[in-house]
């Protein structure tokens, strides 16, 4: 599930941001997301993980987009691992996606040109 999409583009974070940041307990997190029809239930799967994420010392205090990214990465594992481990997994997967194993290999044309030079 794409929590970034739900929080950002669907406007959920805009609606609940102040209440979530003020929440001190899992019950308060549940109370905030329960009234939000369809999207609220997605966040109710792991309210303790969400609370752990917003209480983390690295949680962005002011930047709206970074808050969304931090929460989305923290909840990506649906509470099966800690918020921190979820962020680490997301970071590792993004690094893999950006890594092209063929980037250091010569292109097909370069290999063919090299073969042609060797034949001469």
PDB file of N, CA and C in Angstrom:
ATOM      1  N   UNK A   1       0.837  -1.163   0.000  1.00  0.00           N
ATOM      2  CA  UNK A   1       0.000   0.000   0.000  1.00  0.00           C
ATOM      3  C   UNK A   1       0.893   1.242   0.000  1.00  0.00           C
ATOM      4  N   UNK A   2       0.484   2.252  -0.711  1.00  0.00           N
ATOM      5  CA  UNK A   2       1.301   3.446  -0.826  1.00  0.00           C
ATOM      6  C   UNK A   2       0.822   4.514   0.158  1.00  0.00           C
ATOM      7  N   UNK A   3       1.446   4.522   1.326  1.00  0.00           N
ATOM      8  CA  UNK A   3       1.071   5.495   2.354  1.00  0.00           C
ATOM      9  C   UNK A   3       1.411   6.918   1.936  1.00  0.00           C
ATOM     10  N   UNK A   4       2.437   7.080   1.107  1.00  0.00           N
ATOM     11  CA  UNK A   4       2.776   8.433   0.628  1.00  0.00           C
ATOM     12  C   UNK A   4       1.628   9.007  -0.179  1.00  0.00           C
ATOM     13  N   UNK A   5       1.059   8.192  -1.016  1.00  0.00           N
ATOM     14  CA  UNK A   5      -0.061   8.633  -1.841  1.00  0.00           C
ATOM     15  C   UNK A   5      -1.259   9.000  -0.971  1.00  0.00           C
ATOM     16  N   UNK A   6      -1.571   8.138  -0.029  1.00  0.00           N
ATOM     17  CA  UNK A   6      -2.723   8.383   0.839  1.00  0.00           C
ATOM     18  C   UNK A   6      -2.511   9.633   1.691  1.00  0.00           C
ATOM     19  N   UNK A   7      -1.345   9.749   2.301  1.00  0.00           N
ATOM     20  CA  UNK A   7      -1.083  10.900   3.171  1.00  0.00           C
ATOM     21  C   UNK A   7      -0.983  12.202   2.394  1.00  0.00           C
ATOM     22  N   UNK A   8      -0.280  12.167   1.266  1.00  0.00           N
ATOM     23  CA  UNK A   8      -0.019  13.392   0.515  1.00  0.00           C
ATOM     24  C   UNK A   8      -1.108  13.784  -0.451  1.00  0.00           C
ATOM     25  N   UNK A   9      -1.290  12.984  -1.482  1.00  0.00           N
ATOM     26  CA  UNK A   9      -2.200  13.355  -2.560  1.00  0.00           C
ATOM     27  C   UNK A   9      -3.672  13.280  -2.169  1.00  0.00           C
ATOM     28  N   UNK A  10      -4.000  12.377  -1.286  1.00  0.00           N
ATOM     29  CA  UNK A  10      -5.397  12.272  -0.849  1.00  0.00           C
ATOM     30  C   UNK A  10      -5.728  13.241   0.277  1.00  0.00           C
ATOM     31  N   UNK A  11      -4.728  13.929   0.791  1.00  0.00           N
ATOM     32  CA  UNK A  11      -4.944  14.971   1.772  1.00  0.00           C
ATOM     33  C   UNK A  11      -5.189  14.503   3.195  1.00  0.00           C
ATOM     34  N   UNK A  12      -4.898  13.255   3.485  1.00  0.00           N
ATOM     35  CA  UNK A  12      -5.146  12.745   4.831  1.00  0.00           C
ATOM     36  C   UNK A  12      -4.247  13.431   5.857  1.00  0.00           C
ATOM     37  N   UNK A  13      -2.959  13.576   5.533  1.00  0.00           N
ATOM     38  CA  UNK A  13      -2.038  14.184   6.503  1.00  0.00           C
ATOM     39  C   UNK A  13      -2.426  15.628   6.805  1.00  0.00           C
ATOM     40  N   UNK A  14      -2.909  16.312   5.802  1.00  0.00           N
ATOM     41  CA  UNK A  14      -3.350  17.692   5.989  1.00  0.00           C
ATOM     42  C   UNK A  14      -4.479  17.778   7.025  1.00  0.00           C
ATOM     43  N   UNK A  15      -5.365  16.778   7.000  1.00  0.00           N
ATOM     44  CA  UNK A  15      -6.522  16.779   7.898  1.00  0.00           C
ATOM     45  C   UNK A  15      -6.169  16.370   9.333  1.00  0.00           C
ATOM     46  N   UNK A  16      -5.216  15.451   9.475  1.00  0.00           N
ATOM     47  CA  UNK A  16      -4.975  14.874  10.794  1.00  0.00           C
ATOM     48  C   UNK A  16      -3.643  15.266  11.427  1.00  0.00           C
ATOM     49  N   UNK A  17      -2.842  16.008  10.734  1.00  0.00           N
ATOM     50  CA  UNK A  17      -1.465  16.295  11.166  1.00  0.00           C
ATOM     51  C   UNK A  17      -1.377  16.809  12.602  1.00  0.00           C
ATOM     52  N   UNK A  18      -2.107  17.871  12.900  1.00  0.00           N
ATOM     53  CA  UNK A  18      -2.009  18.488  14.227  1.00  0.00           C
ATOM     54  C   UNK A  18      -2.431  17.522  15.329  1.00  0.00           C
ATOM     55  N   UNK A  19      -3.508  16.792  15.097  1.00  0.00           N
ATOM     56  CA  UNK A  19      -3.997  15.857  16.113  1.00  0.00           C
ATOM     57  C   UNK A  19      -3.038  14.684  16.304  1.00  0.00           C
ATOM     58  N   UNK A  20      -2.470  14.186  15.213  1.00  0.00           N
ATOM     59  CA  UNK A  20      -1.533  13.064  15.311  1.00  0.00           C
ATOM     60  C   UNK A  20      -0.273  13.498  16.040  1.00  0.00           C
ATOM     61  N   UNK A  21       0.252  14.652  15.708  1.00  0.00           N
ATOM     62  CA  UNK A  21       1.468  15.127  16.359  1.00  0.00           C
ATOM     63  C   UNK A  21       1.247  15.400  17.849  1.00  0.00           C
ATOM     64  N   UNK A  22       0.022  15.710  18.228  1.00  0.00           N
ATOM     65  CA  UNK A  22      -0.292  15.960  19.630  1.00  0.00           C
ATOM     66  C   UNK A  22      -0.600  14.673  20.399  1.00  0.00           C
ATOM     67  N   UNK A  23      -0.836  13.587  19.670  1.00  0.00           N
ATOM     68  CA  UNK A  23      -1.211  12.320  20.311  1.00  0.00           C
ATOM     69  C   UNK A  23      -0.067  11.776  21.165  1.00  0.00           C
ATOM     70  N   UNK A  24      -0.415  11.296  22.346  1.00  0.00           N
ATOM     71  CA  UNK A  24       0.563  10.733  23.275  1.00  0.00           C
ATOM     72  C   UNK A  24       0.378   9.231  23.467  1.00  0.00           C
ATOM     73  N   UNK A  25      -0.774   8.707  23.024  1.00  0.00           N
ATOM     74  CA  UNK A  25      -1.078   7.295  23.242  1.00  0.00           C
ATOM     75  C   UNK A  25      -1.606   6.665  21.963  1.00  0.00           C
ATOM     76  N   UNK A  26      -1.581   5.350  21.944  1.00  0.00           N
ATOM     77  CA  UNK A  26      -2.121   4.602  20.809  1.00  0.00           C
ATOM     78  C   UNK A  26      -3.619   4.874  20.681  1.00  0.00           C
ATOM     79  N   UNK A  27      -4.301   5.000  21.800  1.00  0.00           N
ATOM     80  CA  UNK A  27      -5.743   5.267  21.783  1.00  0.00           C
ATOM     81  C   UNK A  27      -6.061   6.583  21.083  1.00  0.00           C
ATOM     82  N   UNK A  28      -5.215   7.583  21.299  1.00  0.00           N
ATOM     83  CA  UNK A  28      -5.422   8.886  20.637  1.00  0.00           C
ATOM     84  C   UNK A  28      -5.208   8.759  19.127  1.00  0.00           C
ATOM     85  N   UNK A  29      -4.214   7.972  18.723  1.00  0.00           N
ATOM     86  CA  UNK A  29      -3.973   7.746  17.290  1.00  0.00           C
ATOM     87  C   UNK A  29      -5.201   7.087  16.666  1.00  0.00           C
ATOM     88  N   UNK A  30      -5.737   6.082  17.330  1.00  0.00           N
ATOM     89  CA  UNK A  30      -6.932   5.389  16.835  1.00  0.00           C
ATOM     90  C   UNK A  30      -8.100   6.358  16.742  1.00  0.00           C
ATOM     91  N   UNK A  31      -8.257   7.195  17.741  1.00  0.00           N
ATOM     92  CA  UNK A  31      -9.327   8.183  17.778  1.00  0.00           C
ATOM     93  C   UNK A  31      -9.236   9.166  16.608  1.00  0.00           C
ATOM     94  N   UNK A  32      -8.018   9.523  16.230  1.00  0.00           N
ATOM     95  CA  UNK A  32      -7.816  10.472  15.128  1.00  0.00           C
ATOM     96  C   UNK A  32      -8.189   9.840  13.785  1.00  0.00           C
ATOM     97  N   UNK A  33      -7.789   8.593  13.562  1.00  0.00           N
ATOM     98  CA  UNK A  33      -7.980   7.982  12.245  1.00  0.00           C
ATOM     99  C   UNK A  33      -9.327   7.277  12.069  1.00  0.00           C
ATOM    100  N   UNK A  34      -9.997   6.946  13.134  1.00  0.00           N
ATOM    101  CA  UNK A  34     -11.271   6.225  13.028  1.00  0.00           C
ATOM    102  C   UNK A  34     -12.309   6.964  12.171  1.00  0.00           C
ATOM    103  N   UNK A  35     -12.501   8.276  12.315  1.00  0.00           N
ATOM    104  CA  UNK A  35     -13.536   8.960  11.525  1.00  0.00           C
ATOM    105  C   UNK A  35     -13.227   9.093  10.030  1.00  0.00           C
ATOM    106  N   UNK A  36     -11.986   8.898   9.641  1.00  0.00           N
ATOM    107  CA  UNK A  36     -11.636   9.052   8.228  1.00  0.00           C
ATOM    108  C   UNK A  36     -12.018   7.775   7.506  1.00  0.00           C
ATOM    109  N   UNK A  37     -13.076   7.855   6.766  1.00  0.00           N
ATOM    110  CA  UNK A  37     -13.727   6.705   6.143  1.00  0.00           C
ATOM    111  C   UNK A  37     -12.787   5.590   5.693  1.00  0.00           C
ATOM    112  N   UNK A  38     -12.487   5.541   4.432  1.00  0.00           N
ATOM    113  CA  UNK A  38     -11.735   4.417   3.862  1.00  0.00           C
ATOM    114  C   UNK A  38     -10.271   4.414   4.280  1.00  0.00           C
ATOM    115  N   UNK A  39      -9.645   5.569   4.235  1.00  0.00           N
ATOM    116  CA  UNK A  39      -8.197   5.638   4.475  1.00  0.00           C
ATOM    117  C   UNK A  39      -7.823   5.431   5.929  1.00  0.00           C
ATOM    118  N   UNK A  40      -8.713   5.787   6.838  1.00  0.00           N
ATOM    119  CA  UNK A  40      -8.415   5.667   8.254  1.00  0.00           C
ATOM    120  C   UNK A  40      -8.087   4.259   8.685  1.00  0.00           C
ATOM    121  N   UNK A  41      -8.795   3.281   8.122  1.00  0.00           N
ATOM    122  CA  UNK A  41      -8.555   1.888   8.525  1.00  0.00           C
ATOM    123  C   UNK A  41      -7.169   1.405   8.137  1.00  0.00           C
ATOM    124  N   UNK A  42      -6.585   1.970   7.119  1.00  0.00           N
ATOM    125  CA  UNK A  42      -5.226   1.594   6.715  1.00  0.00           C
ATOM    126  C   UNK A  42      -4.223   1.937   7.813  1.00  0.00           C
ATOM    127  N   UNK A  43      -4.454   3.034   8.489  1.00  0.00           N
ATOM    128  CA  UNK A  43      -3.544   3.481   9.535  1.00  0.00           C
ATOM    129  C   UNK A  43      -3.833   2.817  10.880  1.00  0.00           C
ATOM    130  N   UNK A  44      -4.993   2.209  11.003  1.00  0.00           N
ATOM    131  CA  UNK A  44      -5.356   1.547  12.245  1.00  0.00           C
ATOM    132  C   UNK A  44      -4.741   0.152  12.362  1.00  0.00           C
ATOM    133  N   UNK A  45      -4.091  -0.308  11.313  1.00  0.00           N
ATOM    134  CA  UNK A  45      -3.438  -1.620  11.359  1.00  0.00           C
ATOM    135  C   UNK A  45      -2.248  -1.618  12.318  1.00  0.00           C
ATOM    136  N   UNK A  46      -1.577  -0.492  12.418  1.00  0.00           N
ATOM    137  CA  UNK A  46      -0.371  -0.422  13.251  1.00  0.00           C
ATOM    138  C   UNK A  46      -0.268   0.932  13.947  1.00  0.00           C
ATOM    139  N   UNK A  47      -1.210   1.252  14.816  1.00  0.00           N
ATOM    140  CA  UNK A  47      -1.158   2.562  15.477  1.00  0.00           C
ATOM    141  C   UNK A  47       0.065   2.731  16.379  1.00  0.00           C
ATOM    142  N   UNK A  48       0.529   1.643  16.976  1.00  0.00           N
ATOM    143  CA  UNK A  48       1.713   1.738  17.840  1.00  0.00           C
ATOM    144  C   UNK A  48       2.949   2.083  17.015  1.00  0.00           C
ATOM    145  N   UNK A  49       3.017   1.541  15.805  1.00  0.00           N
ATOM    146  CA  UNK A  49       4.147   1.851  14.914  1.00  0.00           C
ATOM    147  C   UNK A  49       4.106   3.312  14.489  1.00  0.00           C
ATOM    148  N   UNK A  50       2.922   3.814  14.224  1.00  0.00           N
ATOM    149  CA  UNK A  50       2.772   5.230  13.865  1.00  0.00           C
ATOM    150  C   UNK A  50       3.200   6.122  15.023  1.00  0.00           C
ATOM    151  N   UNK A  51       2.782   5.779  16.225  1.00  0.00           N
ATOM    152  CA  UNK A  51       3.177   6.558  17.403  1.00  0.00           C
ATOM    153  C   UNK A  51       4.687   6.499  17.608  1.00  0.00           C
ATOM    154  N   UNK A  52       5.263   5.312  17.401  1.00  0.00           N
ATOM    155  CA  UNK A  52       6.723   5.147  17.502  1.00  0.00           C
ATOM    156  C   UNK A  52       7.433   6.050  16.490  1.00  0.00           C
ATOM    157  N   UNK A  53       6.884   6.142  15.294  1.00  0.00           N
ATOM    158  CA  UNK A  53       7.508   6.955  14.240  1.00  0.00           C
ATOM    159  C   UNK A  53       7.488   8.438  14.590  1.00  0.00           C
ATOM    160  N   UNK A  54       6.345   8.937  15.042  1.00  0.00           N
ATOM    161  CA  UNK A  54       6.272  10.381  15.308  1.00  0.00           C
ATOM    162  C   UNK A  54       7.026  10.777  16.570  1.00  0.00           C
ATOM    163  N   UNK A  55       7.292   9.820  17.445  1.00  0.00           N
ATOM    164  CA  UNK A  55       8.066  10.116  18.651  1.00  0.00           C
ATOM    165  C   UNK A  55       9.566   9.934  18.447  1.00  0.00           C
ATOM    166  N   UNK A  56       9.949   9.412  17.286  1.00  0.00           N
ATOM    167  CA  UNK A  56      11.373   9.169  17.020  1.00  0.00           C
ATOM    168  C   UNK A  56      12.123  10.491  16.913  1.00  0.00           C
ATOM    169  N   UNK A  57      13.347  10.517  17.375  1.00  0.00           N
ATOM    170  CA  UNK A  57      14.131  11.764  17.383  1.00  0.00           C
ATOM    171  C   UNK A  57      14.431  12.284  15.978  1.00  0.00           C
ATOM    172  N   UNK A  58      14.424  11.416  14.974  1.00  0.00           N
ATOM    173  CA  UNK A  58      14.696  11.851  13.599  1.00  0.00           C
ATOM    174  C   UNK A  58      13.447  12.300  12.846  1.00  0.00           C
ATOM    175  N   UNK A  59      12.287  12.246  13.492  1.00  0.00           N
ATOM    176  CA  UNK A  59      11.053  12.664  12.827  1.00  0.00           C
ATOM    177  C   UNK A  59      11.139  14.149  12.488  1.00  0.00           C
ATOM    178  N   UNK A  60      10.903  14.515  11.220  1.00  0.00           N
ATOM    179  CA  UNK A  60      10.984  15.931  10.823  1.00  0.00           C
ATOM    180  C   UNK A  60       9.927  16.762  11.557  1.00  0.00           C
ATOM    181  N   UNK A  61      10.347  17.822  12.153  1.00  0.00           N
ATOM    182  CA  UNK A  61       9.436  18.636  12.972  1.00  0.00           C
ATOM    183  C   UNK A  61       8.600  19.618  12.153  1.00  0.00           C
ATOM    184  N   UNK A  62       9.160  20.145  11.063  1.00  0.00           N
ATOM    185  CA  UNK A  62       8.474  21.204  10.324  1.00  0.00           C
ATOM    186  C   UNK A  62       8.106  20.850   8.889  1.00  0.00           C
ATOM    187  N   UNK A  63       8.957  20.136   8.197  1.00  0.00           N
ATOM    188  CA  UNK A  63       8.766  19.901   6.766  1.00  0.00           C
ATOM    189  C   UNK A  63       7.631  18.898   6.518  1.00  0.00           C
ATOM    190  N   UNK A  64       6.573  19.391   5.897  1.00  0.00           N
ATOM    191  CA  UNK A  64       5.354  18.627   5.628  1.00  0.00           C
ATOM    192  C   UNK A  64       5.646  17.376   4.794  1.00  0.00           C
ATOM    193  N   UNK A  65       6.367  17.540   3.686  1.00  0.00           N
ATOM    194  CA  UNK A  65       6.644  16.420   2.784  1.00  0.00           C
ATOM    195  C   UNK A  65       7.545  15.376   3.438  1.00  0.00           C
ATOM    196  N   UNK A  66       8.520  15.828   4.204  1.00  0.00           N
ATOM    197  CA  UNK A  66       9.408  14.882   4.883  1.00  0.00           C
ATOM    198  C   UNK A  66       8.674  14.114   5.977  1.00  0.00           C
ATOM    199  N   UNK A  67       7.725  14.762   6.613  1.00  0.00           N
ATOM    200  CA  UNK A  67       6.914  14.055   7.604  1.00  0.00           C
ATOM    201  C   UNK A  67       6.129  12.926   6.931  1.00  0.00           C
ATOM    202  N   UNK A  68       5.542  13.228   5.790  1.00  0.00           N
ATOM    203  CA  UNK A  68       4.790  12.214   5.040  1.00  0.00           C
ATOM    204  C   UNK A  68       5.703  11.058   4.655  1.00  0.00           C
ATOM    205  N   UNK A  69       6.878  11.363   4.133  1.00  0.00           N
ATOM    206  CA  UNK A  69       7.815  10.318   3.718  1.00  0.00           C
ATOM    207  C   UNK A  69       8.261   9.471   4.909  1.00  0.00           C
ATOM    208  N   UNK A  70       8.540  10.109   6.023  1.00  0.00           N
ATOM    209  CA  UNK A  70       8.993   9.407   7.227  1.00  0.00           C
ATOM    210  C   UNK A  70       7.908   8.450   7.721  1.00  0.00           C
ATOM    211  N   UNK A  71       6.689   8.930   7.783  1.00  0.00           N
ATOM    212  CA  UNK A  71       5.583   8.091   8.251  1.00  0.00           C
ATOM    213  C   UNK A  71       5.306   6.967   7.258  1.00  0.00           C
ATOM    214  N   UNK A  72       5.301   7.286   5.979  1.00  0.00           N
ATOM    215  CA  UNK A  72       5.032   6.262   4.966  1.00  0.00           C
ATOM    216  C   UNK A  72       6.065   5.139   5.020  1.00  0.00           C
ATOM    217  N   UNK A  73       7.324   5.490   5.137  1.00  0.00           N
ATOM    218  CA  UNK A  73       8.367   4.467   5.235  1.00  0.00           C
ATOM    219  C   UNK A  73       8.255   3.685   6.548  1.00  0.00           C
ATOM    220  N   UNK A  74       7.863   4.351   7.619  1.00  0.00           N
ATOM    221  CA  UNK A  74       7.729   3.689   8.914  1.00  0.00           C
ATOM    222  C   UNK A  74       6.586   2.679   8.924  1.00  0.00           C
ATOM    223  N   UNK A  75       5.522   2.963   8.181  1.00  0.00           N
ATOM    224  CA  UNK A  75       4.344   2.091   8.151  1.00  0.00           C
ATOM    225  C   UNK A  75       4.348   1.090   6.996  1.00  0.00           C
ATOM    226  N   UNK A  76       5.341   1.148   6.151  1.00  0.00           N
ATOM    227  CA  UNK A  76       5.352   0.314   4.945  1.00  0.00           C
ATOM    228  C   UNK A  76       5.254  -1.178   5.236  1.00  0.00           C
ATOM    229  N   UNK A  77       5.747  -1.625   6.370  1.00  0.00           N
ATOM    230  CA  UNK A  77       5.712  -3.056   6.710  1.00  0.00           C
ATOM    231  C   UNK A  77       4.442  -3.433   7.480  1.00  0.00           C
ATOM    232  N   UNK A  78       3.476  -2.532   7.564  1.00  0.00           N
ATOM    233  CA  UNK A  78       2.199  -2.794   8.233  1.00  0.00           C
ATOM    234  C   UNK A  78       2.348  -3.302   9.664  1.00  0.00           C
ATOM    235  N   UNK A  79       3.350  -2.820  10.377  1.00  0.00           N
ATOM    236  CA  UNK A  79       3.513  -3.188  11.771  1.00  0.00           C
ATOM    237  C   UNK A  79       4.177  -4.536  12.013  1.00  0.00           C
ATOM    238  N   UNK A  80       4.630  -5.205  10.962  1.00  0.00           N
ATOM    239  CA  UNK A  80       5.276  -6.515  11.141  1.00  0.00           C
ATOM    240  C   UNK A  80       6.687  -6.382  11.694  1.00  0.00           C
ATOM    241  N   UNK A  81       7.290  -5.210  11.508  1.00  0.00           N
ATOM    242  CA  UNK A  81       8.599  -4.903  12.085  1.00  0.00           C
ATOM    243  C   UNK A  81       8.501  -3.527  12.725  1.00  0.00           C
ATOM    244  N   UNK A  82       9.546  -3.111  13.415  1.00  0.00           N
ATOM    245  CA  UNK A  82       9.520  -1.791  14.038  1.00  0.00           C
ATOM    246  C   UNK A  82       9.529  -0.712  12.962  1.00  0.00           C
ATOM    247  N   UNK A  83       9.168   0.491  13.353  1.00  0.00           N
ATOM    248  CA  UNK A  83       9.161   1.614  12.417  1.00  0.00           C
ATOM    249  C   UNK A  83      10.559   1.857  11.849  1.00  0.00           C
ATOM    250  N   UNK A  84      11.551   1.766  12.707  1.00  0.00           N
ATOM    251  CA  UNK A  84      12.925   1.996  12.247  1.00  0.00           C
ATOM    252  C   UNK A  84      13.354   0.947  11.219  1.00  0.00           C
ATOM    253  N   UNK A  85      13.064  -0.328  11.498  1.00  0.00           N
ATOM    254  CA  UNK A  85      13.431  -1.395  10.563  1.00  0.00           C
ATOM    255  C   UNK A  85      12.689  -1.237   9.241  1.00  0.00           C
ATOM    256  N   UNK A  86      11.456  -0.810   9.305  1.00  0.00           N
ATOM    257  CA  UNK A  86      10.677  -0.571   8.094  1.00  0.00           C
ATOM    258  C   UNK A  86      11.335   0.511   7.237  1.00  0.00           C
ATOM    259  N   UNK A  87      11.808   1.588   7.880  1.00  0.00           N
ATOM    260  CA  UNK A  87      12.494   2.655   7.139  1.00  0.00           C
ATOM    261  C   UNK A  87      13.796   2.140   6.520  1.00  0.00           C
ATOM    262  N   UNK A  88      14.515   1.294   7.269  1.00  0.00           N
ATOM    263  CA  UNK A  88      15.765   0.724   6.743  1.00  0.00           C
ATOM    264  C   UNK A  88      15.496  -0.145   5.521  1.00  0.00           C
ATOM    265  N   UNK A  89      14.440  -0.935   5.564  1.00  0.00           N
ATOM    266  CA  UNK A  89      14.083  -1.787   4.426  1.00  0.00           C
ATOM    267  C   UNK A  89      13.730  -0.927   3.225  1.00  0.00           C
ATOM    268  N   UNK A  90      12.954   0.120   3.433  1.00  0.00           N
ATOM    269  CA  UNK A  90      12.578   1.021   2.324  1.00  0.00           C
ATOM    270  C   UNK A  90      13.811   1.661   1.707  1.00  0.00           C
ATOM    271  N   UNK A  91      14.731   2.111   2.552  1.00  0.00           N
ATOM    272  CA  UNK A  91      15.958   2.737   2.070  1.00  0.00           C
ATOM    273  C   UNK A  91      16.777   1.751   1.232  1.00  0.00           C
ATOM    274  N   UNK A  92      16.888   0.515   1.708  1.00  0.00           N
ATOM    275  CA  UNK A  92      17.653  -0.511   0.987  1.00  0.00           C
ATOM    276  C   UNK A  92      16.994  -0.846  -0.354  1.00  0.00           C
ATOM    277  N   UNK A  93      15.677  -0.935  -0.368  1.00  0.00           N
ATOM    278  CA  UNK A  93      14.968  -1.242  -1.616  1.00  0.00           C
ATOM    279  C   UNK A  93      15.094  -0.112  -2.629  1.00  0.00           C
ATOM    280  N   UNK A  94      15.037   1.132  -2.147  1.00  0.00           N
ATOM    281  CA  UNK A  94      15.227   2.265  -3.063  1.00  0.00           C
ATOM    282  C   UNK A  94      16.643   2.261  -3.637  1.00  0.00           C
ATOM    283  N   UNK A  95      17.621   1.908  -2.813  1.00  0.00           N
ATOM    284  CA  UNK A  95      19.008   1.851  -3.288  1.00  0.00           C
ATOM    285  C   UNK A  95      19.154   0.767  -4.356  1.00  0.00           C
ATOM    286  N   UNK A  96      18.494  -0.365  -4.149  1.00  0.00           N
ATOM    287  CA  UNK A  96      18.548  -1.442  -5.143  1.00  0.00           C
ATOM    288  C   UNK A  96      17.889  -1.015  -6.443  1.00  0.00           C
ATOM    289  N   UNK A  97      16.770  -0.313  -6.333  1.00  0.00           N
ATOM    290  CA  UNK A  97      16.041   0.115  -7.527  1.00  0.00           C
ATOM    291  C   UNK A  97      16.859   1.102  -8.353  1.00  0.00           C
ATOM    292  N   UNK A  98      17.666   1.913  -7.705  1.00  0.00           N
ATOM    293  CA  UNK A  98      18.490   2.888  -8.411  1.00  0.00           C
ATOM    294  C   UNK A  98      19.785   2.290  -8.938  1.00  0.00           C
ATOM    295  N   UNK A  99      20.123   1.098  -8.482  1.00  0.00           N
ATOM    296  CA  UNK A  99      21.368   0.460  -8.912  1.00  0.00           C
ATOM    297  C   UNK A  99      21.121  -0.318 -10.185  1.00  0.00           C
ATOM    298  N   UNK A 100      21.880  -0.012 -11.201  1.00  0.00           N
ATOM    299  CA  UNK A 100      21.808  -0.716 -12.479  1.00  0.00           C
ATOM    300  C   UNK A 100      23.072  -1.550 -12.615  1.00  0.00           C
ATOM    301  N   UNK A 101      22.967  -2.882 -12.509  1.00  0.00           N
ATOM    302  CA  UNK A 101      24.174  -3.707 -12.557  1.00  0.00           C
ATOM    303  C   UNK A 101      24.917  -3.618 -13.887  1.00  0.00           C
ATOM    304  N   UNK A 102      24.240  -3.192 -14.930  1.00  0.00           N
ATOM    305  CA  UNK A 102      24.879  -3.092 -16.238  1.00  0.00           C
ATOM    306  C   UNK A 102      25.540  -1.745 -16.482  1.00  0.00           C
ATOM    307  N   UNK A 103      25.444  -0.829 -15.539  1.00  0.00           N
ATOM    308  CA  UNK A 103      25.962   0.511 -15.781  1.00  0.00           C
ATOM    309  C   UNK A 103      27.476   0.529 -15.968  1.00  0.00           C
ATOM    310  N   UNK A 104      28.161  -0.461 -15.405  1.00  0.00           N
ATOM    311  CA  UNK A 104      29.611  -0.480 -15.533  1.00  0.00           C
ATOM    312  C   UNK A 104      30.089  -1.404 -16.639  1.00  0.00           C
ATOM    313  N   UNK A 105      29.150  -2.109 -17.267  1.00  0.00           N
ATOM    314  CA  UNK A 105      29.516  -2.983 -18.378  1.00  0.00           C
ATOM    315  C   UNK A 105      29.489  -2.181 -19.669  1.00  0.00           C
ATOM    316  N   UNK A 106      30.382  -2.483 -20.573  1.00  0.00           N
ATOM    317  CA  UNK A 106      30.347  -1.760 -21.849  1.00  0.00           C
ATOM    318  C   UNK A 106      29.085  -2.101 -22.629  1.00  0.00           C
ATOM    319  N   UNK A 107      28.620  -1.161 -23.411  1.00  0.00           N
ATOM    320  CA  UNK A 107      27.419  -1.388 -24.200  1.00  0.00           C
ATOM    321  C   UNK A 107      27.697  -2.400 -25.305  1.00  0.00           C
ATOM    322  N   UNK A 108      26.632  -2.885 -25.900  1.00  0.00           N
ATOM    323  CA  UNK A 108      26.758  -3.869 -26.970  1.00  0.00           C
ATOM    324  C   UNK A 108      27.612  -3.322 -28.108  1.00  0.00           C
ATOM    325  N   UNK A 109      27.381  -2.053 -28.497  1.00  0.00           N
ATOM    326  CA  UNK A 109      28.144  -1.447 -29.584  1.00  0.00           C
ATOM    327  C   UNK A 109      29.630  -1.366 -29.235  1.00  0.00           C
ATOM    328  N   UNK A 110      29.930  -1.006 -27.994  1.00  0.00           N
ATOM    329  CA  UNK A 110      31.331  -0.931 -27.578  1.00  0.00           C
ATOM    330  C   UNK A 110      31.993  -2.297 -27.623  1.00  0.00           C
ATOM    331  N   UNK A 111      31.267  -3.330 -27.214  1.00  0.00           N
ATOM    332  CA  UNK A 111      31.833  -4.680 -27.268  1.00  0.00           C
ATOM    333  C   UNK A 111      32.074  -5.116 -28.702  1.00  0.00           C
ATOM    334  N   UNK A 112      31.125  -4.804 -29.593  1.00  0.00           N
ATOM    335  CA  UNK A 112      31.287  -5.178 -31.005  1.00  0.00           C
ATOM    336  C   UNK A 112      32.461  -4.441 -31.637  1.00  0.00           C
ATOM    337  N   UNK A 113      32.622  -3.171 -31.292  1.00  0.00           N
ATOM    338  CA  UNK A 113      33.740  -2.399 -31.823  1.00  0.00           C
ATOM    339  C   UNK A 113      35.064  -2.978 -31.319  1.00  0.00           C
ATOM    340  N   UNK A 114      35.083  -3.380 -30.068  1.00  0.00           N
ATOM    341  CA  UNK A 114      36.291  -3.970 -29.486  1.00  0.00           C
ATOM    342  C   UNK A 114      36.634  -5.297 -30.176  1.00  0.00           C
ATOM    343  N   UNK A 115      35.616  -6.097 -30.455  1.00  0.00           N
ATOM    344  CA  UNK A 115      35.835  -7.379 -31.158  1.00  0.00           C
ATOM    345  C   UNK A 115      36.381  -7.105 -32.554  1.00  0.00           C
ATOM    346  N   UNK A 116      35.830  -6.102 -33.221  1.00  0.00           N
ATOM    347  CA  UNK A 116      36.300  -5.743 -34.559  1.00  0.00           C
ATOM    348  C   UNK A 116      37.753  -5.298 -34.550  1.00  0.00           C
ATOM    349  N   UNK A 117      38.164  -4.562 -33.559  1.00  0.00           N
ATOM    350  CA  UNK A 117      39.551  -4.109 -33.453  1.00  0.00           C
ATOM    351  C   UNK A 117      40.484  -5.292 -33.212  1.00  0.00           C
ATOM    352  N   UNK A 118      40.033  -6.256 -32.453  1.00  0.00           N
ATOM    353  CA  UNK A 118      40.885  -7.412 -32.171  1.00  0.00           C
ATOM    354  C   UNK A 118      41.087  -8.275 -33.409  1.00  0.00           C
ATOM    355  N   UNK A 119      40.136  -8.316 -34.295  1.00  0.00           N
ATOM    356  CA  UNK A 119      40.241  -9.152 -35.500  1.00  0.00           C
ATOM    357  C   UNK A 119      41.232  -8.581 -36.500  1.00  0.00           C
ATOM    358  N   UNK A 120      41.451  -7.320 -36.471  1.00  0.00           N
ATOM    359  CA  UNK A 120      42.325  -6.680 -37.459  1.00  0.00           C
ATOM    360  C   UNK A 120      43.733  -6.953 -37.198  1.00  0.00           C
TER     361      UNK A 120
END
